[in-house]
C-alpha atoms as a PDB file:
ATOM      1  CA  MET A   1     134.042  34.734  79.294  1.00  0.00           C
ATOM      2  CA  ASN A   2     137.081  36.999  79.653  1.00  0.00           C
ATOM      3  CA  ASN A   3     138.908  34.922  77.037  1.00  0.00           C
ATOM      4  CA  ILE A   4     136.116  35.528  74.510  1.00  0.00           C
ATOM      5  CA  ILE A   5     136.043  39.260  75.206  1.00  0.00           C
ATOM      6  CA  HIS A   6     139.827  39.406  74.929  1.00  0.00           C
ATOM      7  CA  PHE A   7     139.782  37.460  71.641  1.00  0.00           C
ATOM      8  CA  VAL A   8     137.094  39.677  70.067  1.00  0.00           C
ATOM      9  CA  ASN A   9     138.836  42.875  71.186  1.00  0.00           C
ATOM     10  CA  LYS A  10     142.157  41.608  69.866  1.00  0.00           C
ATOM     11  CA  TRP A  11     140.523  40.680  66.538  1.00  0.00           C
ATOM     12  CA  ASN A  12     138.907  44.110  66.191  1.00  0.00           C
ATOM     13  CA  TYR A  13     142.209  45.823  66.966  1.00  0.00           C
ATOM     14  CA  LYS A  14     144.117  43.635  64.509  1.00  0.00           C
ATOM     15  CA  TYR A  15     141.479  43.878  61.721  1.00  0.00           C
ATOM     16  CA  PRO A  16     139.843  47.323  61.957  1.00  0.00           C
ATOM     17  CA  VAL A  17     138.428  47.127  58.412  1.00  0.00           C
ATOM     18  CA  ASP A  18     136.633  43.916  59.336  1.00  0.00           C
ATOM     19  CA  TYR A  19     135.154  45.663  62.387  1.00  0.00           C
ATOM     20  CA  TRP A  20     134.093  48.637  60.226  1.00  0.00           C
ATOM     21  CA  TRP A  21     132.486  46.292  57.678  1.00  0.00           C
ATOM     22  CA  ARG A  22     130.548  44.327  60.317  1.00  0.00           C
ATOM     23  CA  LYS A  23     129.221  47.514  61.908  1.00  0.00           C
ATOM     24  CA  LYS A  24     128.231  48.984  58.537  1.00  0.00           C
ATOM     25  CA  HIS A  25     126.350  45.844  57.464  1.00  0.00           C
ATOM     26  CA  LYS A  26     125.159  44.856  60.957  1.00  0.00           C
ATOM     27  CA  VAL A  27     126.855  41.469  60.769  1.00  0.00           C
ATOM     28  CA  ALA A  28     127.568  39.605  63.987  1.00  0.00           C
ATOM     29  CA  PHE A  29     131.115  38.565  64.813  1.00  0.00           C
ATOM     30  CA  ASN A  30     131.873  35.020  63.638  1.00  0.00           C
ATOM     31  CA  SER A  31     128.422  34.576  62.074  1.00  0.00           C
ATOM     32  CA  SER A  32     128.208  32.536  58.878  1.00  0.00           C
ATOM     33  CA  ARG A  33     127.962  35.767  56.848  1.00  0.00           C
ATOM     34  CA  HIS A  34     131.063  37.096  58.618  1.00  0.00           C
ATOM     35  CA  ARG A  35     133.027  33.902  57.980  1.00  0.00           C
ATOM     36  CA  ASP A  36     131.993  33.887  54.295  1.00  0.00           C
ATOM     37  CA  CYS A  37     133.157  37.461  53.735  1.00  0.00           C
ATOM     38  CA  ASN A  38     136.368  38.113  51.855  1.00  0.00           C
ATOM     39  CA  PHE A  39     138.858  40.534  53.427  1.00  0.00           C
ATOM     40  CA  TRP A  40     139.757  42.023  50.028  1.00  0.00           C
ATOM     41  CA  ASP A  41     136.109  42.835  49.323  1.00  0.00           C
ATOM     42  CA  GLN A  42     135.883  44.512  52.718  1.00  0.00           C
ATOM     43  CA  LEU A  43     139.028  46.516  52.003  1.00  0.00           C
ATOM     44  CA  PHE A  44     137.854  47.672  48.566  1.00  0.00           C
ATOM     45  CA  GLU A  45     134.514  48.714  50.051  1.00  0.00           C
ATOM     46  CA  TYR A  46     136.291  50.609  52.834  1.00  0.00           C
ATOM     47  CA  TYR A  47     138.481  52.525  50.376  1.00  0.00           C
ATOM     48  CA  GLU A  48     135.494  53.261  48.162  1.00  0.00           C
ATOM     49  CA  ASP A  49     133.606  54.710  51.140  1.00  0.00           C
ATOM     50  CA  CYS A  50     136.606  56.817  52.165  1.00  0.00           C
ATOM     51  CA  ILE A  51     137.035  58.206  48.658  1.00  0.00           C
ATOM     52  CA  PHE A  52     133.411  59.190  48.233  1.00  0.00           C
ATOM     53  CA  LYS A  53     133.154  60.634  51.739  1.00  0.00           C
ATOM     54  CA  SER A  54     136.110  62.887  50.937  1.00  0.00           C
ATOM     55  CA  LEU A  55     134.452  63.907  47.653  1.00  0.00           C
ATOM     56  CA  ILE A  56     131.251  64.811  49.443  1.00  0.00           C
ATOM     57  CA  LYS A  57     133.166  66.704  52.130  1.00  0.00           C
ATOM     58  CA  GLU A  58     135.094  68.673  49.499  1.00  0.00           C
ATOM     59  CA  ASN A  59     131.829  69.521  47.753  1.00  0.00           C
ATOM     60  CA  GLU A  60     129.665  70.263  50.772  1.00  0.00           C
ATOM     61  CA  TYR A  61     126.154  71.265  49.999  1.00  0.00           C
ATOM     62  CA  GLU A  62     125.364  74.949  50.255  1.00  0.00           C
ATOM     63  CA  PRO A  63     121.712  75.795  49.669  1.00  0.00           C
ATOM     64  CA  ASN A  64     121.145  77.664  46.411  1.00  0.00           C
ATOM     65  CA  GLN A  65     124.851  77.551  45.580  1.00  0.00           C
ATOM     66  CA  ASN A  66     126.606  75.715  42.766  1.00  0.00           C
ATOM     67  CA  ASP A  67     125.835  72.271  41.384  1.00  0.00           C
ATOM     68  CA  TYR A  68     126.146  70.048  44.430  1.00  0.00           C
ATOM     69  CA  LEU A  69     126.869  66.735  42.706  1.00  0.00           C
ATOM     70  CA  LYS A  70     128.724  68.143  39.716  1.00  0.00           C
ATOM     71  CA  ILE A  71     132.513  67.875  39.902  1.00  0.00           C
ATOM     72  CA  ASP A  72     135.201  69.120  37.598  1.00  0.00           C
ATOM     73  CA  GLU A  73     135.969  66.611  34.789  1.00  0.00           C
ATOM     74  CA  ASN A  74     139.740  66.840  35.398  1.00  0.00           C
ATOM     75  CA  LYS A  75     139.254  66.275  39.106  1.00  0.00           C
ATOM     76  CA  PHE A  76     137.078  63.235  38.376  1.00  0.00           C
ATOM     77  CA  GLU A  77     139.742  61.758  36.067  1.00  0.00           C
ATOM     78  CA  SER A  78     142.392  62.323  38.713  1.00  0.00           C
ATOM     79  CA  ILE A  79     140.267  60.564  41.326  1.00  0.00           C
ATOM     80  CA  THR A  80     139.543  57.591  39.062  1.00  0.00           C
ATOM     81  CA  ASP A  81     143.247  57.324  38.194  1.00  0.00           C
ATOM     82  CA  ASN A  82     144.081  57.244  41.905  1.00  0.00           C
ATOM     83  CA  ILE A  83     141.438  54.575  42.521  1.00  0.00           C
ATOM     84  CA  SER A  84     142.799  52.488  39.632  1.00  0.00           C
ATOM     85  CA  ASP A  85     146.348  52.812  40.966  1.00  0.00           C
ATOM     86  CA  ALA A  86     145.248  51.836  44.477  1.00  0.00           C
ATOM     87  CA  LEU A  87     143.307  48.807  43.223  1.00  0.00           C
ATOM     88  CA  LEU A  88     146.271  47.706  41.116  1.00  0.00           C
ATOM     89  CA  GLU A  89     148.576  47.964  44.134  1.00  0.00           C
ATOM     90  CA  LEU A  90     146.109  45.968  46.244  1.00  0.00           C
ATOM     91  CA  LYS A  91     145.869  43.297  43.541  1.00  0.00           C
ATOM     92  CA  LYS A  92     149.689  43.045  43.354  1.00  0.00           C
ATOM     93  CA  PHE A  93     149.838  42.745  47.127  1.00  0.00           C
ATOM     94  CA  LYS A  94     147.106  40.101  47.148  1.00  0.00           C
ATOM     95  CA  ASP A  95     148.796  38.117  44.345  1.00  0.00           C
ATOM     96  CA  SER A  96     152.193  38.282  46.024  1.00  0.00           C
ATOM     97  CA  HIS A  97     150.720  36.910  49.258  1.00  0.00           C
ATOM     98  CA  GLY A  98     148.903  34.038  47.564  1.00  0.00           C
ATOM     99  CA  ASN A  99     145.354  35.123  48.480  1.00  0.00           C
END
């Protein structure tokens, strides 16, 4: 039993995005859904969550103040450019590692 616990803990430490994804989607470790999941999809989803959480944090809701979900057009373009750059870098990395 200790070997299993050690293996799972080591896996979670080595692949924190995988752990995050399983907790978010309530997927059991080594289940068929877990084994079928693609690491790159997990990573893209993680970055997407991080980006939008930071947007929401920057634009915290204040009752009766401002337009909560409205962001500056220039800021939006900057964010989408950064996302595009990050996805391109991830694709290059993926392609260079044969995945």
